[in-house]
C-alpha atoms as a PDB file:
ATOM      1  CA  MET A   1       9.119 -21.332 -12.017  1.00  0.00           C
ATOM      2  CA  ASP A   2       9.254 -22.738  -8.464  1.00  0.00           C
ATOM      3  CA  ALA A   3       6.652 -21.685  -5.741  1.00  0.00           C
ATOM      4  CA  HIS A   4       9.110 -19.520  -3.921  1.00  0.00           C
ATOM      5  CA  ALA A   5       9.876 -17.600  -7.297  1.00  0.00           C
ATOM      6  CA  GLU A   6       6.313 -17.360  -8.154  1.00  0.00           C
ATOM      7  CA  ARG A   7       5.511 -15.723  -4.805  1.00  0.00           C
ATOM      8  CA  ILE A   8       8.239 -13.128  -5.371  1.00  0.00           C
ATOM      9  CA  ALA A   9       7.120 -12.521  -9.060  1.00  0.00           C
ATOM     10  CA  LEU A  10       3.595 -11.794  -7.773  1.00  0.00           C
ATOM     11  CA  PHE A  11       4.726  -9.418  -5.134  1.00  0.00           C
ATOM     12  CA  LEU A  12       7.103  -7.491  -7.652  1.00  0.00           C
ATOM     13  CA  ALA A  13       4.336  -7.267 -10.153  1.00  0.00           C
ATOM     14  CA  VAL A  14       1.872  -5.652  -7.613  1.00  0.00           C
ATOM     15  CA  ARG A  15       4.595  -3.624  -5.891  1.00  0.00           C
ATOM     16  CA  ASN A  16       5.635  -2.007  -9.278  1.00  0.00           C
ATOM     17  CA  VAL A  17       2.196  -0.772 -10.145  1.00  0.00           C
ATOM     18  CA  PRO A  18       2.072   2.897  -9.164  1.00  0.00           C
ATOM     19  CA  TYR A  19       0.441   3.609  -5.791  1.00  0.00           C
ATOM     20  CA  ALA A  20      -2.283   6.179  -6.062  1.00  0.00           C
ATOM     21  CA  THR A  21      -5.613   6.917  -4.239  1.00  0.00           C
ATOM     22  CA  ASP A  22      -7.293   8.084  -7.379  1.00  0.00           C
ATOM     23  CA  GLY A  23      -6.765   4.757  -9.133  1.00  0.00           C
ATOM     24  CA  ALA A  24      -8.294   1.166  -8.866  1.00  0.00           C
ATOM     25  CA  HIS A  25      -9.788   0.345  -5.442  1.00  0.00           C
ATOM     26  CA  ASP A  26     -10.213  -3.422  -6.278  1.00  0.00           C
ATOM     27  CA  ALA A  27      -8.188  -6.225  -7.574  1.00  0.00           C
ATOM     28  CA  SER A  28     -10.320  -6.638 -10.903  1.00  0.00           C
ATOM     29  CA  THR A  29      -9.346  -3.042 -12.057  1.00  0.00           C
ATOM     30  CA  LEU A  30      -5.825  -2.529 -10.757  1.00  0.00           C
ATOM     31  CA  MET A  31      -4.004  -3.642 -13.833  1.00  0.00           C
ATOM     32  CA  THR A  32      -6.541  -2.040 -16.164  1.00  0.00           C
ATOM     33  CA  PHE A  33      -6.094   1.430 -14.422  1.00  0.00           C
ATOM     34  CA  GLY A  34      -2.330   0.895 -14.002  1.00  0.00           C
ATOM     35  CA  ARG A  35      -2.328   2.427 -10.584  1.00  0.00           C
ATOM     36  CA  GLY A  36      -4.336   1.660  -7.432  1.00  0.00           C
ATOM     37  CA  ASP A  37      -4.516   2.235  -3.697  1.00  0.00           C
ATOM     38  CA  CYS A  38      -3.736  -0.258  -0.910  1.00  0.00           C
ATOM     39  CA  LEU A  39      -7.049  -1.912  -1.115  1.00  0.00           C
ATOM     40  CA  ALA A  40      -6.617  -2.829  -4.812  1.00  0.00           C
ATOM     41  CA  LYS A  41      -3.065  -3.787  -4.354  1.00  0.00           C
ATOM     42  CA  SER A  42      -3.700  -6.099  -1.219  1.00  0.00           C
ATOM     43  CA  ALA A  43      -6.853  -7.582  -2.785  1.00  0.00           C
ATOM     44  CA  TYR A  44      -4.818  -8.390  -6.117  1.00  0.00           C
ATOM     45  CA  LEU A  45      -1.956  -9.962  -4.059  1.00  0.00           C
ATOM     46  CA  ILE A  46      -4.619 -12.000  -2.075  1.00  0.00           C
ATOM     47  CA  GLU A  47      -6.220 -13.158  -5.329  1.00  0.00           C
ATOM     48  CA  GLY A  48      -2.906 -14.057  -6.671  1.00  0.00           C
ATOM     49  CA  PHE A  49      -1.778 -16.023  -3.543  1.00  0.00           C
ATOM     50  CA  LEU A  50      -4.981 -17.880  -3.593  1.00  0.00           C
ATOM     51  CA  ALA A  51      -4.666 -18.776  -7.380  1.00  0.00           C
ATOM     52  CA  LEU A  52      -1.113 -20.186  -6.566  1.00  0.00           C
ATOM     53  CA  GLY A  53      -2.689 -22.482  -3.914  1.00  0.00           C
ATOM     54  CA  TYR A  54      -1.912 -20.581  -0.738  1.00  0.00           C
ATOM     55  CA  GLN A  55      -4.125 -19.417   2.096  1.00  0.00           C
ATOM     56  CA  ALA A  56      -4.281 -15.514   2.031  1.00  0.00           C
ATOM     57  CA  ARG A  57      -6.186 -12.868   3.919  1.00  0.00           C
ATOM     58  CA  ARG A  58      -6.399  -9.056   4.379  1.00  0.00           C
ATOM     59  CA  VAL A  59      -4.964  -7.330   7.437  1.00  0.00           C
ATOM     60  CA  ARG A  60      -5.759  -3.836   8.265  1.00  0.00           C
ATOM     61  CA  TRP A  61      -4.536  -1.226  10.762  1.00  0.00           C
ATOM     62  CA  LEU A  62      -4.806   2.437  11.725  1.00  0.00           C
ATOM     63  CA  TYR A  63      -1.925   4.711  10.859  1.00  0.00           C
ATOM     64  CA  HIS A  64      -1.029   8.426  10.381  1.00  0.00           C
ATOM     65  CA  LEU A  65      -0.906   9.842   7.052  1.00  0.00           C
ATOM     66  CA  PRO A  66       2.479  11.151   6.018  1.00  0.00           C
ATOM     67  CA  ASP A  67       3.536  14.899   6.457  1.00  0.00           C
ATOM     68  CA  GLN A  68       3.323  15.482   2.740  1.00  0.00           C
ATOM     69  CA  PRO A  69       1.749  17.170   0.967  1.00  0.00           C
ATOM     70  CA  THR A  70       1.131  20.230   3.119  1.00  0.00           C
ATOM     71  CA  GLU A  71      -2.731  19.734   2.508  1.00  0.00           C
ATOM     72  CA  VAL A  72      -2.611  16.943   5.042  1.00  0.00           C
ATOM     73  CA  TRP A  73      -2.613  19.706   7.701  1.00  0.00           C
ATOM     74  CA  LEU A  74      -6.073  20.862   6.415  1.00  0.00           C
ATOM     75  CA  LEU A  75      -7.590  17.482   7.447  1.00  0.00           C
ATOM     76  CA  PRO A  76      -9.446  17.144  10.873  1.00  0.00           C
ATOM     77  CA  SER A  77      -7.228  14.171  11.582  1.00  0.00           C
ATOM     78  CA  ARG A  78      -4.308  12.411   9.924  1.00  0.00           C
ATOM     79  CA  GLU A  79      -5.688   8.940  11.059  1.00  0.00           C
ATOM     80  CA  ASP A  80      -6.440   6.581   8.261  1.00  0.00           C
ATOM     81  CA  VAL A  81      -6.790   2.573   7.691  1.00  0.00           C
ATOM     82  CA  HIS A  82      -4.180   0.737   5.773  1.00  0.00           C
ATOM     83  CA  SER A  83      -4.694  -2.647   3.991  1.00  0.00           C
ATOM     84  CA  ALA A  84      -2.153  -5.290   3.265  1.00  0.00           C
ATOM     85  CA  ALA A  85      -2.170  -9.080   2.680  1.00  0.00           C
ATOM     86  CA  GLU A  86      -1.074 -11.998   4.719  1.00  0.00           C
ATOM     87  CA  VAL A  87      -0.198 -15.307   3.269  1.00  0.00           C
ATOM     88  CA  LEU A  88       0.430 -18.649   4.924  1.00  0.00           C
ATOM     89  CA  ILE A  89       3.868 -19.921   4.190  1.00  0.00           C
ATOM     90  CA  ASN A  90       5.448 -22.904   5.987  1.00  0.00           C
ATOM     91  CA  GLY A  91       2.585 -22.829   8.636  1.00  0.00           C
ATOM     92  CA  ARG A  92       3.255 -19.105   9.457  1.00  0.00           C
ATOM     93  CA  TRP A  93       1.126 -16.048   8.450  1.00  0.00           C
ATOM     94  CA  THR A  94       3.391 -13.670   6.613  1.00  0.00           C
ATOM     95  CA  LEU A  95       2.758  -9.926   6.062  1.00  0.00           C
ATOM     96  CA  VAL A  96       3.240  -8.972   2.396  1.00  0.00           C
ATOM     97  CA  ASP A  97       2.740  -5.107   1.871  1.00  0.00           C
ATOM     98  CA  ALA A  98       3.241  -4.118  -1.795  1.00  0.00           C
ATOM     99  CA  THR A  99       1.713  -0.741  -1.520  1.00  0.00           C
ATOM    100  CA  HIS A 100       4.306   1.623  -2.671  1.00  0.00           C
ATOM    101  CA  ASP A 101       6.223   1.461  -5.825  1.00  0.00           C
ATOM    102  CA  PRO A 102      10.017   1.878  -5.824  1.00  0.00           C
ATOM    103  CA  PRO A 103      10.267   5.541  -6.991  1.00  0.00           C
ATOM    104  CA  LEU A 104       8.217   6.572  -3.838  1.00  0.00           C
ATOM    105  CA  ALA A 105      11.295   5.773  -1.664  1.00  0.00           C
ATOM    106  CA  ALA A 106      12.668   9.179  -2.920  1.00  0.00           C
ATOM    107  CA  ALA A 107       9.977  10.822  -0.676  1.00  0.00           C
ATOM    108  CA  GLY A 108      10.806   8.662   2.255  1.00  0.00           C
ATOM    109  CA  LEU A 109       7.895   6.227   1.946  1.00  0.00           C
ATOM    110  CA  ALA A 110       8.538   2.583   2.819  1.00  0.00           C
ATOM    111  CA  VAL A 111       9.089   0.614  -0.299  1.00  0.00           C
ATOM    112  CA  ALA A 112       9.134  -3.062   0.668  1.00  0.00           C
ATOM    113  CA  GLU A 113      11.515  -5.764  -0.640  1.00  0.00           C
ATOM    114  CA  TRP A 114      10.506  -9.405  -0.283  1.00  0.00           C
ATOM    115  CA  ASP A 115      12.309 -12.579   0.005  1.00  0.00           C
ATOM    116  CA  GLY A 116       9.295 -14.690  -0.377  1.00  0.00           C
ATOM    117  CA  ILE A 117       9.401 -16.056   3.194  1.00  0.00           C
ATOM    118  CA  ALA A 118       9.804 -13.327   5.865  1.00  0.00           C
ATOM    119  CA  ASP A 119       7.475 -10.388   6.536  1.00  0.00           C
ATOM    120  CA  THR A 120       7.810  -7.195   4.531  1.00  0.00           C
ATOM    121  CA  VAL A 121       8.236  -3.878   6.009  1.00  0.00           C
ATOM    122  CA  PRO A 122       4.745  -2.341   6.323  1.00  0.00           C
ATOM    123  CA  ALA A 123       4.104   0.631   4.136  1.00  0.00           C
ATOM    124  CA  TYR A 124       2.771   2.724   7.175  1.00  0.00           C
ATOM    125  CA  VAL A 125       3.635   2.076  10.817  1.00  0.00           C
ATOM    126  CA  PRO A 126       0.549   0.765  12.630  1.00  0.00           C
ATOM    127  CA  CYS A 127      -1.087   2.800  15.346  1.00  0.00           C
ATOM    128  CA  GLY A 128      -2.484   0.193  17.581  1.00  0.00           C
ATOM    129  CA  PRO A 129      -3.335  -3.563  16.816  1.00  0.00           C
ATOM    130  CA  LEU A 130      -3.615  -5.205  13.443  1.00  0.00           C
ATOM    131  CA  TRP A 131      -7.124  -6.352  12.417  1.00  0.00           C
ATOM    132  CA  ARG A 132      -7.781  -9.671  10.632  1.00  0.00           C
ATOM    133  CA  PRO A 133     -11.020 -11.129   9.448  1.00  0.00           C
ATOM    134  CA  GLY A 134     -12.905 -12.617  12.486  1.00  0.00           C
ATOM    135  CA  ASP A 135     -11.423 -10.053  14.855  1.00  0.00           C
ATOM    136  CA  GLY A 136     -14.542  -8.109  15.417  1.00  0.00           C
ATOM    137  CA  PRO A 137     -15.337  -4.665  13.979  1.00  0.00           C
ATOM    138  CA  GLU A 138     -13.017  -3.264  11.440  1.00  0.00           C
ATOM    139  CA  PRO A 139     -10.734  -0.361  12.367  1.00  0.00           C
ATOM    140  CA  VAL A 140     -12.480   3.037  11.773  1.00  0.00           C
ATOM    141  CA  PRO A 141     -10.277   6.174  11.294  1.00  0.00           C
ATOM    142  CA  ASN A 142     -11.228   9.105  13.363  1.00  0.00           C
ATOM    143  CA  ALA A 143     -13.599   7.101  15.443  1.00  0.00           C
ATOM    144  CA  ASP A 144     -13.194   9.480  18.311  1.00  0.00           C
ATOM    145  CA  THR A 145     -13.798  12.685  16.231  1.00  0.00           C
ATOM    146  CA  THR A 146     -16.912  14.404  14.965  1.00  0.00           C
ATOM    147  CA  ALA A 147     -15.453  16.415  12.160  1.00  0.00           C
ATOM    148  CA  THR A 148     -16.562  15.717   8.648  1.00  0.00           C
ATOM    149  CA  ASP A 149     -14.929  18.242   6.318  1.00  0.00           C
ATOM    150  CA  VAL A 150     -15.407  16.698   2.897  1.00  0.00           C
ATOM    151  CA  ASP A 151     -13.738  19.650   0.962  1.00  0.00           C
ATOM    152  CA  SER A 152     -10.445  19.363   2.859  1.00  0.00           C
ATOM    153  CA  GLY A 153     -10.536  15.557   2.325  1.00  0.00           C
ATOM    154  CA  ASP A 154     -11.007  16.049  -1.421  1.00  0.00           C
ATOM    155  CA  ARG A 155      -8.294  18.711  -1.683  1.00  0.00           C
ATOM    156  CA  TYR A 156      -5.969  16.433   0.215  1.00  0.00           C
ATOM    157  CA  GLN A 157      -6.543  13.657  -2.046  1.00  0.00           C
ATOM    158  CA  LYS A 158      -5.945  15.672  -5.184  1.00  0.00           C
ATOM    159  CA  ALA A 159      -2.835  17.138  -3.707  1.00  0.00           C
ATOM    160  CA  TYR A 160      -1.679  13.767  -2.503  1.00  0.00           C
ATOM    161  CA  ASN A 161      -1.967  12.205  -5.784  1.00  0.00           C
ATOM    162  CA  ARG A 162      -0.313  15.089  -7.452  1.00  0.00           C
ATOM    163  CA  TRP A 163       2.584  14.890  -5.021  1.00  0.00           C
ATOM    164  CA  LEU A 164       2.983  11.160  -5.596  1.00  0.00           C
ATOM    165  CA  SER A 165       3.306  11.932  -9.357  1.00  0.00           C
ATOM    166  CA  GLU A 166       5.901  14.692  -8.734  1.00  0.00           C
ATOM    167  CA  VAL A 167       8.018  12.418  -6.566  1.00  0.00           C
ATOM    168  CA  ARG A 168       7.979   9.794  -9.377  1.00  0.00           C
ATOM    169  CA  ALA A 169       8.894  12.452 -11.993  1.00  0.00           C
ATOM    170  CA  GLU A 170      11.764  13.689  -9.878  1.00  0.00           C
ATOM    171  CA  ALA A 171      12.954  10.200  -9.042  1.00  0.00           C
ATOM    172  CA  ALA A 172      13.051   9.403 -12.832  1.00  0.00           C
ATOM    173  CA  THR A 173      15.130  12.494 -13.618  1.00  0.00           C
ATOM    174  CA  THR A 174      17.568  11.806 -10.831  1.00  0.00           C
ATOM    175  CA  ALA A 175      17.981   8.124 -11.201  1.00  0.00           C
ATOM    176  CA  PRO A 176      21.374   6.961 -12.456  1.00  0.00           C
ATOM    177  CA  ARG A 177      21.394   6.203 -16.137  1.00  0.00           C
ATOM    178  CA  TYR A 178      23.190   3.323 -17.760  1.00  0.00           C
ATOM    179  CA  GLY A 179      26.810   4.123 -17.869  1.00  0.00           C
ATOM    180  CA  ASP A 180      26.708   6.447 -14.946  1.00  0.00           C
ATOM    181  CA  GLY A 181      29.220   5.546 -12.150  1.00  0.00           C
END
């Protein structure tokens, strides 16, 4: 397999692992859990790119949580921090965001495709500047609020992961089957 095909294969392997915030939070357990959050998926990509001989780094930014599930409105704020990978290809840092697995497109979440060269679409639209190692303090969600409602955060996380599972199940039942037009 050539270098270009290896990059795409790595991306697809990570992107196709189900996204969930109640799964792995690091690269070493992503494939064992079989699901993971953006931290785990971006860390796995970075480790994979490094193993393939590329320079790679984490990039983070603030974003707003999606409107679903309805429990999101119980949170004191919808602001969160997203993690993705950047890889140096042909002298240019390229955004590679493999966060959302394909069935989640049915819910309107951004599911990236990657040609192995250009930036992917980010899973979440940045609210403000991107942060890279060496840029100073990392972005902190809700830095301007004092609310700390742990119960609503836990309720939201459970509802969010349940919603992601429901979206996948619905996508599986509505996906065209072999032989369908």
